[in-house]
């Protein structure tokens, strides 16, 4: 994820754009994997919540819309 976000920041962003946001959807939680995957990243990495099942497309769209309105 970090590779893609950095590429986008350097090559795709326009002046005035907000920094890109990456969303990772996981089917299961593995504390060790999370620790190693996020080690060394800026403190702007957040875990919103863990879900047992993935939301359907409409629920995910609603969530993204609500969150983006709060920014």
PDB file of N, CA and C in Angstrom:
ATOM      1  N   UNK A   1       0.825  -1.186   0.000  1.00  0.00           N
ATOM      2  CA  UNK A   1       0.000   0.000   0.000  1.00  0.00           C
ATOM      3  C   UNK A   1       0.868   1.248   0.000  1.00  0.00           C
ATOM      4  N   UNK A   2       1.909   1.235   0.821  1.00  0.00           N
ATOM      5  CA  UNK A   2       2.775   2.402   0.938  1.00  0.00           C
ATOM      6  C   UNK A   2       3.429   2.747  -0.400  1.00  0.00           C
ATOM      7  N   UNK A   3       3.811   1.731  -1.176  1.00  0.00           N
ATOM      8  CA  UNK A   3       4.408   1.953  -2.493  1.00  0.00           C
ATOM      9  C   UNK A   3       3.437   2.719  -3.390  1.00  0.00           C
ATOM     10  N   UNK A   4       2.200   2.280  -3.432  1.00  0.00           N
ATOM     11  CA  UNK A   4       1.214   2.906  -4.301  1.00  0.00           C
ATOM     12  C   UNK A   4       0.891   4.327  -3.856  1.00  0.00           C
ATOM     13  N   UNK A   5       0.794   4.539  -2.553  1.00  0.00           N
ATOM     14  CA  UNK A   5       0.513   5.884  -2.051  1.00  0.00           C
ATOM     15  C   UNK A   5       1.655   6.839  -2.379  1.00  0.00           C
ATOM     16  N   UNK A   6       2.886   6.373  -2.207  1.00  0.00           N
ATOM     17  CA  UNK A   6       4.031   7.226  -2.527  1.00  0.00           C
ATOM     18  C   UNK A   6       4.112   7.516  -4.020  1.00  0.00           C
ATOM     19  N   UNK A   7       3.847   6.519  -4.853  1.00  0.00           N
ATOM     20  CA  UNK A   7       3.843   6.742  -6.301  1.00  0.00           C
ATOM     21  C   UNK A   7       2.794   7.795  -6.656  1.00  0.00           C
ATOM     22  N   UNK A   8       1.597   7.631  -6.102  1.00  0.00           N
ATOM     23  CA  UNK A   8       0.513   8.567  -6.418  1.00  0.00           C
ATOM     24  C   UNK A   8       0.887   9.989  -5.999  1.00  0.00           C
ATOM     25  N   UNK A   9       1.481  10.121  -4.809  1.00  0.00           N
ATOM     26  CA  UNK A   9       1.885  11.452  -4.335  1.00  0.00           C
ATOM     27  C   UNK A   9       2.883  12.090  -5.294  1.00  0.00           C
ATOM     28  N   UNK A  10       3.818  11.336  -5.777  1.00  0.00           N
ATOM     29  CA  UNK A  10       4.870  11.898  -6.618  1.00  0.00           C
ATOM     30  C   UNK A  10       4.436  12.130  -8.062  1.00  0.00           C
ATOM     31  N   UNK A  11       3.618  11.228  -8.630  1.00  0.00           N
ATOM     32  CA  UNK A  11       3.357  11.277 -10.073  1.00  0.00           C
ATOM     33  C   UNK A  11       1.934  11.628 -10.481  1.00  0.00           C
ATOM     34  N   UNK A  12       0.987  11.527  -9.603  1.00  0.00           N
ATOM     35  CA  UNK A  12      -0.409  11.687 -10.004  1.00  0.00           C
ATOM     36  C   UNK A  12      -1.126  12.874  -9.376  1.00  0.00           C
ATOM     37  N   UNK A  13      -0.660  13.348  -8.229  1.00  0.00           N
ATOM     38  CA  UNK A  13      -1.370  14.405  -7.519  1.00  0.00           C
ATOM     39  C   UNK A  13      -1.250  15.741  -8.243  1.00  0.00           C
ATOM     40  N   UNK A  14      -2.285  16.531  -8.115  1.00  0.00           N
ATOM     41  CA  UNK A  14      -2.282  17.896  -8.639  1.00  0.00           C
ATOM     42  C   UNK A  14      -2.161  18.861  -7.474  1.00  0.00           C
ATOM     43  N   UNK A  15      -1.730  20.072  -7.764  1.00  0.00           N
ATOM     44  CA  UNK A  15      -1.610  21.076  -6.714  1.00  0.00           C
ATOM     45  C   UNK A  15      -2.956  21.277  -6.029  1.00  0.00           C
ATOM     46  N   UNK A  16      -2.948  21.310  -4.716  1.00  0.00           N
ATOM     47  CA  UNK A  16      -4.172  21.501  -3.947  1.00  0.00           C
ATOM     48  C   UNK A  16      -4.872  20.209  -3.559  1.00  0.00           C
ATOM     49  N   UNK A  17      -4.425  19.072  -4.097  1.00  0.00           N
ATOM     50  CA  UNK A  17      -5.024  17.788  -3.722  1.00  0.00           C
ATOM     51  C   UNK A  17      -4.673  17.446  -2.280  1.00  0.00           C
ATOM     52  N   UNK A  18      -5.591  16.795  -1.607  1.00  0.00           N
ATOM     53  CA  UNK A  18      -5.298  16.233  -0.292  1.00  0.00           C
ATOM     54  C   UNK A  18      -4.428  14.998  -0.486  1.00  0.00           C
ATOM     55  N   UNK A  19      -3.663  14.627   0.536  1.00  0.00           N
ATOM     56  CA  UNK A  19      -2.849  13.410   0.404  1.00  0.00           C
ATOM     57  C   UNK A  19      -3.731  12.199   0.125  1.00  0.00           C
ATOM     58  N   UNK A  20      -3.215  11.231  -0.638  1.00  0.00           N
ATOM     59  CA  UNK A  20      -4.008  10.034  -0.926  1.00  0.00           C
ATOM     60  C   UNK A  20      -4.240   9.211   0.335  1.00  0.00           C
ATOM     61  N   UNK A  21      -5.317   8.457   0.315  1.00  0.00           N
ATOM     62  CA  UNK A  21      -5.688   7.601   1.437  1.00  0.00           C
ATOM     63  C   UNK A  21      -5.764   6.174   0.925  1.00  0.00           C
ATOM     64  N   UNK A  22      -5.145   5.253   1.651  1.00  0.00           N
ATOM     65  CA  UNK A  22      -5.228   3.842   1.298  1.00  0.00           C
ATOM     66  C   UNK A  22      -6.164   3.128   2.245  1.00  0.00           C
ATOM     67  N   UNK A  23      -6.969   2.265   1.692  1.00  0.00           N
ATOM     68  CA  UNK A  23      -7.894   1.470   2.503  1.00  0.00           C
ATOM     69  C   UNK A  23      -7.566   0.006   2.277  1.00  0.00           C
ATOM     70  N   UNK A  24      -7.305  -0.697   3.359  1.00  0.00           N
ATOM     71  CA  UNK A  24      -7.012  -2.120   3.278  1.00  0.00           C
ATOM     72  C   UNK A  24      -8.158  -2.880   3.926  1.00  0.00           C
ATOM     73  N   UNK A  25      -8.765  -3.760   3.178  1.00  0.00           N
ATOM     74  CA  UNK A  25      -9.834  -4.609   3.692  1.00  0.00           C
ATOM     75  C   UNK A  25      -9.245  -5.989   3.934  1.00  0.00           C
ATOM     76  N   UNK A  26      -9.392  -6.489   5.145  1.00  0.00           N
ATOM     77  CA  UNK A  26      -8.819  -7.782   5.510  1.00  0.00           C
ATOM     78  C   UNK A  26      -9.911  -8.720   5.983  1.00  0.00           C
ATOM     79  N   UNK A  27      -9.753  -9.978   5.646  1.00  0.00           N
ATOM     80  CA  UNK A  27     -10.719 -10.972   6.079  1.00  0.00           C
ATOM     81  C   UNK A  27     -10.430 -11.463   7.488  1.00  0.00           C
ATOM     82  N   UNK A  28      -9.181 -11.334   7.936  1.00  0.00           N
ATOM     83  CA  UNK A  28      -8.839 -11.777   9.281  1.00  0.00           C
ATOM     84  C   UNK A  28      -7.766 -10.867   9.859  1.00  0.00           C
ATOM     85  N   UNK A  29      -7.585 -10.942  11.167  1.00  0.00           N
ATOM     86  CA  UNK A  29      -6.637 -10.095  11.879  1.00  0.00           C
ATOM     87  C   UNK A  29      -5.452 -10.936  12.320  1.00  0.00           C
ATOM     88  N   UNK A  30      -4.260 -10.439  12.072  1.00  0.00           N
ATOM     89  CA  UNK A  30      -3.041 -11.102  12.513  1.00  0.00           C
ATOM     90  C   UNK A  30      -2.150 -10.022  13.101  1.00  0.00           C
ATOM     91  N   UNK A  31      -2.050  -9.967  14.437  1.00  0.00           N
ATOM     92  CA  UNK A  31      -1.309  -8.890  15.108  1.00  0.00           C
ATOM     93  C   UNK A  31       0.131  -8.785  14.626  1.00  0.00           C
ATOM     94  N   UNK A  32       0.806  -9.902  14.427  1.00  0.00           N
ATOM     95  CA  UNK A  32       2.202  -9.863  13.982  1.00  0.00           C
ATOM     96  C   UNK A  32       2.295  -9.270  12.589  1.00  0.00           C
ATOM     97  N   UNK A  33       1.409  -9.664  11.701  1.00  0.00           N
ATOM     98  CA  UNK A  33       1.427  -9.137  10.334  1.00  0.00           C
ATOM     99  C   UNK A  33       1.162  -7.632  10.329  1.00  0.00           C
ATOM    100  N   UNK A  34       0.207  -7.186  11.132  1.00  0.00           N
ATOM    101  CA  UNK A  34      -0.085  -5.754  11.230  1.00  0.00           C
ATOM    102  C   UNK A  34       1.132  -5.004  11.758  1.00  0.00           C
ATOM    103  N   UNK A  35       1.775  -5.540  12.772  1.00  0.00           N
ATOM    104  CA  UNK A  35       2.953  -4.889  13.351  1.00  0.00           C
ATOM    105  C   UNK A  35       4.067  -4.726  12.317  1.00  0.00           C
ATOM    106  N   UNK A  36       4.376  -5.785  11.584  1.00  0.00           N
ATOM    107  CA  UNK A  36       5.453  -5.714  10.606  1.00  0.00           C
ATOM    108  C   UNK A  36       5.060  -4.866   9.396  1.00  0.00           C
ATOM    109  N   UNK A  37       3.817  -4.917   8.992  1.00  0.00           N
ATOM    110  CA  UNK A  37       3.373  -4.156   7.821  1.00  0.00           C
ATOM    111  C   UNK A  37       3.352  -2.657   8.080  1.00  0.00           C
ATOM    112  N   UNK A  38       3.127  -2.251   9.313  1.00  0.00           N
ATOM    113  CA  UNK A  38       3.011  -0.816   9.613  1.00  0.00           C
ATOM    114  C   UNK A  38       4.240  -0.254  10.308  1.00  0.00           C
ATOM    115  N   UNK A  39       5.213  -1.085  10.634  1.00  0.00           N
ATOM    116  CA  UNK A  39       6.416  -0.619  11.307  1.00  0.00           C
ATOM    117  C   UNK A  39       7.168   0.365  10.421  1.00  0.00           C
ATOM    118  N   UNK A  40       7.533   1.497  11.006  1.00  0.00           N
ATOM    119  CA  UNK A  40       8.295   2.494  10.275  1.00  0.00           C
ATOM    120  C   UNK A  40       7.456   3.477   9.473  1.00  0.00           C
ATOM    121  N   UNK A  41       6.166   3.271   9.407  1.00  0.00           N
ATOM    122  CA  UNK A  41       5.306   4.220   8.703  1.00  0.00           C
ATOM    123  C   UNK A  41       5.015   5.404   9.610  1.00  0.00           C
ATOM    124  N   UNK A  42       4.560   6.493   9.026  1.00  0.00           N
ATOM    125  CA  UNK A  42       4.203   7.655   9.829  1.00  0.00           C
ATOM    126  C   UNK A  42       3.081   7.290  10.784  1.00  0.00           C
ATOM    127  N   UNK A  43       2.845   8.133  11.731  1.00  0.00           N
ATOM    128  CA  UNK A  43       1.800   7.879  12.728  1.00  0.00           C
ATOM    129  C   UNK A  43       0.403   8.129  12.176  1.00  0.00           C
ATOM    130  N   UNK A  44       0.287   8.360  10.893  1.00  0.00           N
ATOM    131  CA  UNK A  44      -1.014   8.601  10.283  1.00  0.00           C
ATOM    132  C   UNK A  44      -1.652   7.310   9.778  1.00  0.00           C
ATOM    133  N   UNK A  45      -1.297   6.205  10.383  1.00  0.00           N
ATOM    134  CA  UNK A  45      -1.901   4.925  10.049  1.00  0.00           C
ATOM    135  C   UNK A  45      -2.880   4.589  11.155  1.00  0.00           C
ATOM    136  N   UNK A  46      -4.123   4.388  10.788  1.00  0.00           N
ATOM    137  CA  UNK A  46      -5.167   4.157  11.777  1.00  0.00           C
ATOM    138  C   UNK A  46      -5.910   2.872  11.454  1.00  0.00           C
ATOM    139  N   UNK A  47      -6.382   2.223  12.476  1.00  0.00           N
ATOM    140  CA  UNK A  47      -7.257   1.074  12.321  1.00  0.00           C
ATOM    141  C   UNK A  47      -8.627   1.521  12.771  1.00  0.00           C
ATOM    142  N   UNK A  48      -9.562   1.484  11.849  1.00  0.00           N
ATOM    143  CA  UNK A  48     -10.899   1.947  12.171  1.00  0.00           C
ATOM    144  C   UNK A  48     -11.643   0.904  12.995  1.00  0.00           C
ATOM    145  N   UNK A  49     -11.714  -0.292  12.453  1.00  0.00           N
ATOM    146  CA  UNK A  49     -12.399  -1.368  13.170  1.00  0.00           C
ATOM    147  C   UNK A  49     -12.183  -2.675  12.431  1.00  0.00           C
ATOM    148  N   UNK A  50     -12.445  -3.730  13.120  1.00  0.00           N
ATOM    149  CA  UNK A  50     -12.363  -5.048  12.527  1.00  0.00           C
ATOM    150  C   UNK A  50     -13.773  -5.584  12.361  1.00  0.00           C
ATOM    151  N   UNK A  51     -14.030  -6.197  11.232  1.00  0.00           N
ATOM    152  CA  UNK A  51     -15.332  -6.790  10.964  1.00  0.00           C
ATOM    153  C   UNK A  51     -15.155  -8.287  10.748  1.00  0.00           C
ATOM    154  N   UNK A  52     -16.124  -9.052  11.178  1.00  0.00           N
ATOM    155  CA  UNK A  52     -16.085 -10.496  10.977  1.00  0.00           C
ATOM    156  C   UNK A  52     -16.374 -10.824   9.516  1.00  0.00           C
ATOM    157  N   UNK A  53     -17.269 -10.037   8.900  1.00  0.00           N
ATOM    158  CA  UNK A  53     -17.609 -10.228   7.490  1.00  0.00           C
ATOM    159  C   UNK A  53     -17.376  -8.921   6.747  1.00  0.00           C
ATOM    160  N   UNK A  54     -17.033  -9.025   5.482  1.00  0.00           N
ATOM    161  CA  UNK A  54     -16.887  -7.820   4.673  1.00  0.00           C
ATOM    162  C   UNK A  54     -18.261  -7.221   4.415  1.00  0.00           C
ATOM    163  N   UNK A  55     -18.358  -5.890   4.414  1.00  0.00           N
ATOM    164  CA  UNK A  55     -19.649  -5.256   4.116  1.00  0.00           C
ATOM    165  C   UNK A  55     -19.971  -5.405   2.628  1.00  0.00           C
ATOM    166  N   UNK A  56     -21.261  -5.312   2.301  1.00  0.00           N
ATOM    167  CA  UNK A  56     -21.611  -5.352   0.884  1.00  0.00           C
ATOM    168  C   UNK A  56     -21.232  -4.020   0.230  1.00  0.00           C
ATOM    169  N   UNK A  57     -21.347  -3.947  -1.078  1.00  0.00           N
ATOM    170  CA  UNK A  57     -20.889  -2.780  -1.833  1.00  0.00           C
ATOM    171  C   UNK A  57     -21.577  -1.505  -1.377  1.00  0.00           C
ATOM    172  N   UNK A  58     -22.875  -1.542  -1.154  1.00  0.00           N
ATOM    173  CA  UNK A  58     -23.624  -0.352  -0.734  1.00  0.00           C
ATOM    174  C   UNK A  58     -23.166   0.129   0.643  1.00  0.00           C
ATOM    175  N   UNK A  59     -22.947  -0.787   1.574  1.00  0.00           N
ATOM    176  CA  UNK A  59     -22.477  -0.414   2.912  1.00  0.00           C
ATOM    177  C   UNK A  59     -21.095   0.232   2.841  1.00  0.00           C
ATOM    178  N   UNK A  60     -20.221  -0.322   2.012  1.00  0.00           N
ATOM    179  CA  UNK A  60     -18.877   0.229   1.871  1.00  0.00           C
ATOM    180  C   UNK A  60     -18.926   1.622   1.249  1.00  0.00           C
ATOM    181  N   UNK A  61     -19.762   1.822   0.243  1.00  0.00           N
ATOM    182  CA  UNK A  61     -19.907   3.138  -0.377  1.00  0.00           C
ATOM    183  C   UNK A  61     -20.445   4.147   0.629  1.00  0.00           C
ATOM    184  N   UNK A  62     -21.431   3.764   1.417  1.00  0.00           N
ATOM    185  CA  UNK A  62     -21.978   4.661   2.448  1.00  0.00           C
ATOM    186  C   UNK A  62     -20.919   5.032   3.472  1.00  0.00           C
ATOM    187  N   UNK A  63     -20.130   4.053   3.901  1.00  0.00           N
ATOM    188  CA  UNK A  63     -19.080   4.300   4.884  1.00  0.00           C
ATOM    189  C   UNK A  63     -18.054   5.288   4.335  1.00  0.00           C
ATOM    190  N   UNK A  64     -17.601   5.058   3.116  1.00  0.00           N
ATOM    191  CA  UNK A  64     -16.605   5.947   2.514  1.00  0.00           C
ATOM    192  C   UNK A  64     -17.163   7.350   2.357  1.00  0.00           C
ATOM    193  N   UNK A  65     -18.407   7.467   1.949  1.00  0.00           N
ATOM    194  CA  UNK A  65     -19.027   8.791   1.790  1.00  0.00           C
ATOM    195  C   UNK A  65     -19.122   9.513   3.139  1.00  0.00           C
ATOM    196  N   UNK A  66     -19.557   8.825   4.188  1.00  0.00           N
ATOM    197  CA  UNK A  66     -19.660   9.443   5.519  1.00  0.00           C
ATOM    198  C   UNK A  66     -18.296   9.899   6.012  1.00  0.00           C
ATOM    199  N   UNK A  67     -17.294   9.045   5.877  1.00  0.00           N
ATOM    200  CA  UNK A  67     -15.959   9.370   6.354  1.00  0.00           C
ATOM    201  C   UNK A  67     -15.353  10.546   5.580  1.00  0.00           C
ATOM    202  N   UNK A  68     -15.571  10.565   4.265  1.00  0.00           N
ATOM    203  CA  UNK A  68     -14.988  11.655   3.466  1.00  0.00           C
ATOM    204  C   UNK A  68     -15.669  12.988   3.770  1.00  0.00           C
ATOM    205  N   UNK A  69     -16.908  12.979   4.177  1.00  0.00           N
ATOM    206  CA  UNK A  69     -17.603  14.216   4.536  1.00  0.00           C
ATOM    207  C   UNK A  69     -17.061  14.788   5.846  1.00  0.00           C
ATOM    208  N   UNK A  70     -16.513  13.931   6.700  1.00  0.00           N
ATOM    209  CA  UNK A  70     -15.977  14.396   7.986  1.00  0.00           C
ATOM    210  C   UNK A  70     -14.583  15.000   7.855  1.00  0.00           C
ATOM    211  N   UNK A  71     -13.934  14.777   6.697  1.00  0.00           N
ATOM    212  CA  UNK A  71     -12.570  15.305   6.508  1.00  0.00           C
ATOM    213  C   UNK A  71     -12.558  16.771   6.259  1.00  0.00           C
TER     214      UNK A  71
END
